[in-house]
Amino acid sequence: DLELEKIRKNMDEADRLREFAYEKRMEYCDLLKPYEGRLIKDIPLDVLEKASAAMDAAQEADRKWEKLMRVQK
């Protein structure tokens, strides 16, 4: 029973990380969508910084998910 509970907690955490990563990727897309087709120099720096932070957070959640699920690369 204890092993099953541990597995269940890991799966719940993995689901939370997956959802968080998805939300951050959607935030990234939403931030950059108005500038689609434009040169990167035409995008305001604060928008680029927010988008970069969102993508960094998504990638960090991915790394935690991979570690939790013991994914080998």
PDB file of N, CA and C in Angstrom:
ATOM      1  N   ASP A   1       0.812  -1.206   0.000  1.00  0.00           N
ATOM      2  CA  ASP A   1       0.000   0.000   0.000  1.00  0.00           C
ATOM      3  C   ASP A   1       0.854   1.268   0.000  1.00  0.00           C
ATOM      4  N   LEU A   2       1.961   1.241   0.726  1.00  0.00           N
ATOM      5  CA  LEU A   2       2.836   2.407   0.770  1.00  0.00           C
ATOM      6  C   LEU A   2       3.472   2.675  -0.590  1.00  0.00           C
ATOM      7  N   GLU A   3       3.860   1.607  -1.271  1.00  0.00           N
ATOM      8  CA  GLU A   3       4.452   1.765  -2.606  1.00  0.00           C
ATOM      9  C   GLU A   3       3.430   2.340  -3.585  1.00  0.00           C
ATOM     10  N   LEU A   4       2.201   1.868  -3.495  1.00  0.00           N
ATOM     11  CA  LEU A   4       1.134   2.378  -4.356  1.00  0.00           C
ATOM     12  C   LEU A   4       0.869   3.852  -4.076  1.00  0.00           C
ATOM     13  N   GLU A   5       0.891   4.230  -2.812  1.00  0.00           N
ATOM     14  CA  GLU A   5       0.683   5.631  -2.445  1.00  0.00           C
ATOM     15  C   GLU A   5       1.817   6.508  -2.994  1.00  0.00           C
ATOM     16  N   LYS A   6       3.038   6.017  -2.933  1.00  0.00           N
ATOM     17  CA  LYS A   6       4.178   6.754  -3.474  1.00  0.00           C
ATOM     18  C   LYS A   6       4.032   6.938  -4.984  1.00  0.00           C
ATOM     19  N   ILE A   7       3.633   5.885  -5.673  1.00  0.00           N
ATOM     20  CA  ILE A   7       3.426   5.958  -7.122  1.00  0.00           C
ATOM     21  C   ILE A   7       2.314   6.951  -7.446  1.00  0.00           C
ATOM     22  N   ARG A   8       1.249   6.904  -6.676  1.00  0.00           N
ATOM     23  CA  ARG A   8       0.123   7.820  -6.889  1.00  0.00           C
ATOM     24  C   ARG A   8       0.554   9.279  -6.694  1.00  0.00           C
ATOM     25  N   LYS A   9       1.351   9.542  -5.661  1.00  0.00           N
ATOM     26  CA  LYS A   9       1.842  10.907  -5.422  1.00  0.00           C
ATOM     27  C   LYS A   9       2.741  11.364  -6.567  1.00  0.00           C
ATOM     28  N   ASN A  10       3.603  10.477  -7.043  1.00  0.00           N
ATOM     29  CA  ASN A  10       4.475  10.819  -8.166  1.00  0.00           C
ATOM     30  C   ASN A  10       3.659  11.128  -9.419  1.00  0.00           C
ATOM     31  N   MET A  11       2.636  10.354  -9.664  1.00  0.00           N
ATOM     32  CA  MET A  11       1.792  10.592 -10.838  1.00  0.00           C
ATOM     33  C   MET A  11       1.045  11.919 -10.719  1.00  0.00           C
ATOM     34  N   ASP A  12       0.571  12.241  -9.515  1.00  0.00           N
ATOM     35  CA  ASP A  12      -0.110  13.524  -9.301  1.00  0.00           C
ATOM     36  C   ASP A  12       0.841  14.690  -9.537  1.00  0.00           C
ATOM     37  N   GLU A  13       2.079  14.556  -9.031  1.00  0.00           N
ATOM     38  CA  GLU A  13       3.075  15.606  -9.239  1.00  0.00           C
ATOM     39  C   GLU A  13       3.448  15.720 -10.715  1.00  0.00           C
ATOM     40  N   ALA A  14       3.561  14.586 -11.394  1.00  0.00           N
ATOM     41  CA  ALA A  14       3.870  14.595 -12.827  1.00  0.00           C
ATOM     42  C   ALA A  14       2.760  15.299 -13.604  1.00  0.00           C
ATOM     43  N   ASP A  15       1.515  15.038 -13.244  1.00  0.00           N
ATOM     44  CA  ASP A  15       0.390  15.716 -13.906  1.00  0.00           C
ATOM     45  C   ASP A  15       0.439  17.223 -13.658  1.00  0.00           C
ATOM     46  N   ARG A  16       0.756  17.610 -12.426  1.00  0.00           N
ATOM     47  CA  ARG A  16       0.844  19.035 -12.091  1.00  0.00           C
ATOM     48  C   ARG A  16       1.951  19.705 -12.903  1.00  0.00           C
ATOM     49  N   LEU A  17       3.106  19.057 -13.011  1.00  0.00           N
ATOM     50  CA  LEU A  17       4.219  19.609 -13.779  1.00  0.00           C
ATOM     51  C   LEU A  17       3.881  19.714 -15.266  1.00  0.00           C
ATOM     52  N   ARG A  18       3.194  18.698 -15.781  1.00  0.00           N
ATOM     53  CA  ARG A  18       2.796  18.707 -17.191  1.00  0.00           C
ATOM     54  C   ARG A  18       1.845  19.864 -17.472  1.00  0.00           C
ATOM     55  N   GLU A  19       0.876  20.070 -16.599  1.00  0.00           N
ATOM     56  CA  GLU A  19      -0.080  21.168 -16.765  1.00  0.00           C
ATOM     57  C   GLU A  19       0.623  22.529 -16.671  1.00  0.00           C
ATOM     58  N   PHE A  20       1.538  22.656 -15.721  1.00  0.00           N
ATOM     59  CA  PHE A  20       2.270  23.905 -15.548  1.00  0.00           C
ATOM     60  C   PHE A  20       3.086  24.225 -16.801  1.00  0.00           C
ATOM     61  N   ALA A  21       3.795  23.215 -17.321  1.00  0.00           N
ATOM     62  CA  ALA A  21       4.604  23.413 -18.524  1.00  0.00           C
ATOM     63  C   ALA A  21       3.719  23.830 -19.699  1.00  0.00           C
ATOM     64  N   TYR A  22       2.559  23.200 -19.826  1.00  0.00           N
ATOM     65  CA  TYR A  22       1.623  23.550 -20.903  1.00  0.00           C
ATOM     66  C   TYR A  22       1.159  24.999 -20.772  1.00  0.00           C
ATOM     67  N   GLU A  23       0.789  25.395 -19.556  1.00  0.00           N
ATOM     68  CA  GLU A  23       0.323  26.764 -19.325  1.00  0.00           C
ATOM     69  C   GLU A  23       1.408  27.784 -19.665  1.00  0.00           C
ATOM     70  N   LYS A  24       2.644  27.490 -19.290  1.00  0.00           N
ATOM     71  CA  LYS A  24       3.742  28.416 -19.571  1.00  0.00           C
ATOM     72  C   LYS A  24       4.025  28.489 -21.073  1.00  0.00           C
ATOM     73  N   ARG A  25       3.901  27.381 -21.776  1.00  0.00           N
ATOM     74  CA  ARG A  25       4.096  27.413 -23.229  1.00  0.00           C
ATOM     75  C   ARG A  25       2.982  28.212 -23.913  1.00  0.00           C
ATOM     76  N   MET A  26       1.770  28.084 -23.407  1.00  0.00           N
ATOM     77  CA  MET A  26       0.658  28.866 -23.955  1.00  0.00           C
ATOM     78  C   MET A  26       0.864  30.350 -23.665  1.00  0.00           C
ATOM     79  N   GLU A  27       1.381  30.673 -22.489  1.00  0.00           N
ATOM     80  CA  GLU A  27       1.700  32.056 -22.153  1.00  0.00           C
ATOM     81  C   GLU A  27       2.747  32.608 -23.130  1.00  0.00           C
ATOM     82  N   TYR A  28       3.769  31.808 -23.414  1.00  0.00           N
ATOM     83  CA  TYR A  28       4.811  32.180 -24.373  1.00  0.00           C
ATOM     84  C   TYR A  28       4.185  32.484 -25.740  1.00  0.00           C
ATOM     85  N   CYS A  29       3.338  31.585 -26.204  1.00  0.00           N
ATOM     86  CA  CYS A  29       2.693  31.775 -27.516  1.00  0.00           C
ATOM     87  C   CYS A  29       1.803  33.013 -27.529  1.00  0.00           C
ATOM     88  N   ASP A  30       1.035  33.199 -26.462  1.00  0.00           N
ATOM     89  CA  ASP A  30       0.140  34.352 -26.386  1.00  0.00           C
ATOM     90  C   ASP A  30       0.908  35.673 -26.380  1.00  0.00           C
ATOM     91  N   LEU A  31       2.058  35.679 -25.715  1.00  0.00           N
ATOM     92  CA  LEU A  31       2.860  36.896 -25.668  1.00  0.00           C
ATOM     93  C   LEU A  31       3.430  37.256 -27.040  1.00  0.00           C
ATOM     94  N   LEU A  32       3.837  36.250 -27.797  1.00  0.00           N
ATOM     95  CA  LEU A  32       4.498  36.513 -29.071  1.00  0.00           C
ATOM     96  C   LEU A  32       3.555  36.537 -30.277  1.00  0.00           C
ATOM     97  N   LYS A  33       2.340  36.043 -30.110  1.00  0.00           N
ATOM     98  CA  LYS A  33       1.388  35.971 -31.227  1.00  0.00           C
ATOM     99  C   LYS A  33       1.150  37.326 -31.911  1.00  0.00           C
ATOM    100  N   PRO A  34       1.002  38.422 -31.169  1.00  0.00           N
ATOM    101  CA  PRO A  34       0.774  39.712 -31.840  1.00  0.00           C
ATOM    102  C   PRO A  34       1.944  40.153 -32.729  1.00  0.00           C
ATOM    103  N   TYR A  35       3.097  39.559 -32.534  1.00  0.00           N
ATOM    104  CA  TYR A  35       4.288  39.967 -33.283  1.00  0.00           C
ATOM    105  C   TYR A  35       4.672  38.944 -34.356  1.00  0.00           C
ATOM    106  N   GLU A  36       3.773  38.016 -34.645  1.00  0.00           N
ATOM    107  CA  GLU A  36       4.041  36.975 -35.634  1.00  0.00           C
ATOM    108  C   GLU A  36       4.364  37.600 -36.991  1.00  0.00           C
ATOM    109  N   GLY A  37       5.439  37.143 -37.587  1.00  0.00           N
ATOM    110  CA  GLY A  37       5.855  37.634 -38.896  1.00  0.00           C
ATOM    111  C   GLY A  37       6.734  38.876 -38.842  1.00  0.00           C
ATOM    112  N   ARG A  38       6.942  39.404 -37.654  1.00  0.00           N
ATOM    113  CA  ARG A  38       7.780  40.596 -37.520  1.00  0.00           C
ATOM    114  C   ARG A  38       9.210  40.182 -37.180  1.00  0.00           C
ATOM    115  N   LEU A  39      10.127  41.091 -37.401  1.00  0.00           N
ATOM    116  CA  LEU A  39      11.509  40.863 -37.009  1.00  0.00           C
ATOM    117  C   LEU A  39      11.620  40.885 -35.487  1.00  0.00           C
ATOM    118  N   ILE A  40      12.553  40.112 -34.964  1.00  0.00           N
ATOM    119  CA  ILE A  40      12.702  40.041 -33.511  1.00  0.00           C
ATOM    120  C   ILE A  40      13.057  41.404 -32.917  1.00  0.00           C
ATOM    121  N   LYS A  41      13.751  42.235 -33.681  1.00  0.00           N
ATOM    122  CA  LYS A  41      14.118  43.565 -33.186  1.00  0.00           C
ATOM    123  C   LYS A  41      12.903  44.481 -33.042  1.00  0.00           C
ATOM    124  N   ASP A  42      11.780  44.107 -33.663  1.00  0.00           N
ATOM    125  CA  ASP A  42      10.563  44.910 -33.574  1.00  0.00           C
ATOM    126  C   ASP A  42       9.684  44.522 -32.388  1.00  0.00           C
ATOM    127  N   ILE A  43      10.092  43.487 -31.663  1.00  0.00           N
ATOM    128  CA  ILE A  43       9.333  43.042 -30.491  1.00  0.00           C
ATOM    129  C   ILE A  43       9.885  43.780 -29.270  1.00  0.00           C
ATOM    130  N   PRO A  44       9.027  44.401 -28.469  1.00  0.00           N
ATOM    131  CA  PRO A  44       9.510  45.120 -27.279  1.00  0.00           C
ATOM    132  C   PRO A  44      10.294  44.191 -26.342  1.00  0.00           C
ATOM    133  N   LEU A  45      11.335  44.733 -25.745  1.00  0.00           N
ATOM    134  CA  LEU A  45      12.210  43.949 -24.879  1.00  0.00           C
ATOM    135  C   LEU A  45      11.457  43.322 -23.712  1.00  0.00           C
ATOM    136  N   ASP A  46      10.505  44.053 -23.127  1.00  0.00           N
ATOM    137  CA  ASP A  46       9.776  43.488 -21.984  1.00  0.00           C
ATOM    138  C   ASP A  46       8.939  42.278 -22.397  1.00  0.00           C
ATOM    139  N   VAL A  47       8.420  42.276 -23.612  1.00  0.00           N
ATOM    140  CA  VAL A  47       7.658  41.133 -24.118  1.00  0.00           C
ATOM    141  C   VAL A  47       8.596  39.940 -24.317  1.00  0.00           C
ATOM    142  N   LEU A  48       9.761  40.196 -24.892  1.00  0.00           N
ATOM    143  CA  LEU A  48      10.739  39.124 -25.088  1.00  0.00           C
ATOM    144  C   LEU A  48      11.193  38.535 -23.757  1.00  0.00           C
ATOM    145  N   GLU A  49      11.394  39.381 -22.761  1.00  0.00           N
ATOM    146  CA  GLU A  49      11.823  38.902 -21.443  1.00  0.00           C
ATOM    147  C   GLU A  49      10.737  38.055 -20.777  1.00  0.00           C
ATOM    148  N   LYS A  50       9.489  38.491 -20.881  1.00  0.00           N
ATOM    149  CA  LYS A  50       8.385  37.717 -20.303  1.00  0.00           C
ATOM    150  C   LYS A  50       8.230  36.379 -21.027  1.00  0.00           C
ATOM    151  N   ALA A  51       8.339  36.399 -22.341  1.00  0.00           N
ATOM    152  CA  ALA A  51       8.230  35.162 -23.123  1.00  0.00           C
ATOM    153  C   ALA A  51       9.370  34.210 -22.782  1.00  0.00           C
ATOM    154  N   SER A  52      10.562  34.744 -22.663  1.00  0.00           N
ATOM    155  CA  SER A  52      11.719  33.925 -22.312  1.00  0.00           C
ATOM    156  C   SER A  52      11.555  33.303 -20.927  1.00  0.00           C
ATOM    157  N   ALA A  53      11.067  34.083 -19.980  1.00  0.00           N
ATOM    158  CA  ALA A  53      10.849  33.570 -18.622  1.00  0.00           C
ATOM    159  C   ALA A  53       9.796  32.460 -18.623  1.00  0.00           C
ATOM    160  N   ALA A  54       8.754  32.631 -19.413  1.00  0.00           N
ATOM    161  CA  ALA A  54       7.712  31.609 -19.501  1.00  0.00           C
ATOM    162  C   ALA A  54       8.273  30.314 -20.089  1.00  0.00           C
ATOM    163  N   MET A  55       9.076  30.421 -21.142  1.00  0.00           N
ATOM    164  CA  MET A  55       9.662  29.228 -21.752  1.00  0.00           C
ATOM    165  C   MET A  55      10.667  28.566 -20.808  1.00  0.00           C
ATOM    166  N   ASP A  56      11.442  29.366 -20.099  1.00  0.00           N
ATOM    167  CA  ASP A  56      12.388  28.810 -19.120  1.00  0.00           C
ATOM    168  C   ASP A  56      11.646  28.025 -18.037  1.00  0.00           C
ATOM    169  N   ALA A  57      10.534  28.572 -17.562  1.00  0.00           N
ATOM    170  CA  ALA A  57       9.743  27.887 -16.540  1.00  0.00           C
ATOM    171  C   ALA A  57       9.170  26.574 -17.081  1.00  0.00           C
ATOM    172  N   ALA A  58       8.726  26.580 -18.324  1.00  0.00           N
ATOM    173  CA  ALA A  58       8.192  25.357 -18.942  1.00  0.00           C
ATOM    174  C   ALA A  58       9.284  24.304 -19.071  1.00  0.00           C
ATOM    175  N   GLN A  59      10.468  24.716 -19.483  1.00  0.00           N
ATOM    176  CA  GLN A  59      11.565  23.762 -19.645  1.00  0.00           C
ATOM    177  C   GLN A  59      12.032  23.211 -18.307  1.00  0.00           C
ATOM    178  N   GLU A  60      12.025  24.043 -17.273  1.00  0.00           N
ATOM    179  CA  GLU A  60      12.387  23.562 -15.932  1.00  0.00           C
ATOM    180  C   GLU A  60      11.362  22.531 -15.445  1.00  0.00           C
ATOM    181  N   ALA A  61      10.090  22.788 -15.691  1.00  0.00           N
ATOM    182  CA  ALA A  61       9.048  21.823 -15.320  1.00  0.00           C
ATOM    183  C   ALA A  61       9.236  20.519 -16.094  1.00  0.00           C
ATOM    184  N   ASP A  62       9.631  20.620 -17.353  1.00  0.00           N
ATOM    185  CA  ASP A  62       9.908  19.417 -18.152  1.00  0.00           C
ATOM    186  C   ASP A  62      11.053  18.608 -17.547  1.00  0.00           C
ATOM    187  N   ARG A  63      12.115  19.307 -17.115  1.00  0.00           N
ATOM    188  CA  ARG A  63      13.251  18.601 -16.510  1.00  0.00           C
ATOM    189  C   ARG A  63      12.838  17.889 -15.227  1.00  0.00           C
ATOM    190  N   LYS A  64      12.020  18.550 -14.404  1.00  0.00           N
ATOM    191  CA  LYS A  64      11.537  17.934 -13.169  1.00  0.00           C
ATOM    192  C   LYS A  64      10.647  16.736 -13.489  1.00  0.00           C
ATOM    193  N   TRP A  65       9.806  16.876 -14.505  1.00  0.00           N
ATOM    194  CA  TRP A  65       8.929  15.770 -14.905  1.00  0.00           C
ATOM    195  C   TRP A  65       9.763  14.567 -15.358  1.00  0.00           C
ATOM    196  N   GLU A  66      10.780  14.833 -16.186  1.00  0.00           N
ATOM    197  CA  GLU A  66      11.642  13.753 -16.678  1.00  0.00           C
ATOM    198  C   GLU A  66      12.355  13.044 -15.524  1.00  0.00           C
ATOM    199  N   LYS A  67      12.824  13.820 -14.553  1.00  0.00           N
ATOM    200  CA  LYS A  67      13.491  13.224 -13.403  1.00  0.00           C
ATOM    201  C   LYS A  67      12.512  12.375 -12.585  1.00  0.00           C
ATOM    202  N   LEU A  68      11.319  12.906 -12.401  1.00  0.00           N
ATOM    203  CA  LEU A  68      10.302  12.191 -11.642  1.00  0.00           C
ATOM    204  C   LEU A  68       9.887  10.899 -12.328  1.00  0.00           C
ATOM    205  N   MET A  69       9.774  10.956 -13.641  1.00  0.00           N
ATOM    206  CA  MET A  69       9.353   9.786 -14.408  1.00  0.00           C
ATOM    207  C   MET A  69      10.548   8.911 -14.828  1.00  0.00           C
ATOM    208  N   ARG A  70      11.745   9.349 -14.441  1.00  0.00           N
ATOM    209  CA  ARG A  70      12.984   8.612 -14.739  1.00  0.00           C
ATOM    210  C   ARG A  70      13.161   8.386 -16.236  1.00  0.00           C
ATOM    211  N   VAL A  71      12.928   9.452 -16.997  1.00  0.00           N
ATOM    212  CA  VAL A  71      13.091   9.390 -18.454  1.00  0.00           C
ATOM    213  C   VAL A  71      14.575   9.473 -18.771  1.00  0.00           C
ATOM    214  N   GLN A  72      15.053   8.535 -19.581  1.00  0.00           N
ATOM    215  CA  GLN A  72      16.456   8.533 -20.007  1.00  0.00           C
ATOM    216  C   GLN A  72      16.551   9.164 -21.373  1.00  0.00           C
ATOM    217  N   LYS A  73      17.562  10.013 -21.561  1.00  0.00           N
ATOM    218  CA  LYS A  73      17.767  10.635 -22.873  1.00  0.00           C
ATOM    219  C   LYS A  73      18.908   9.949 -23.576  1.00  0.00           C
TER     220      LYS A  73
END
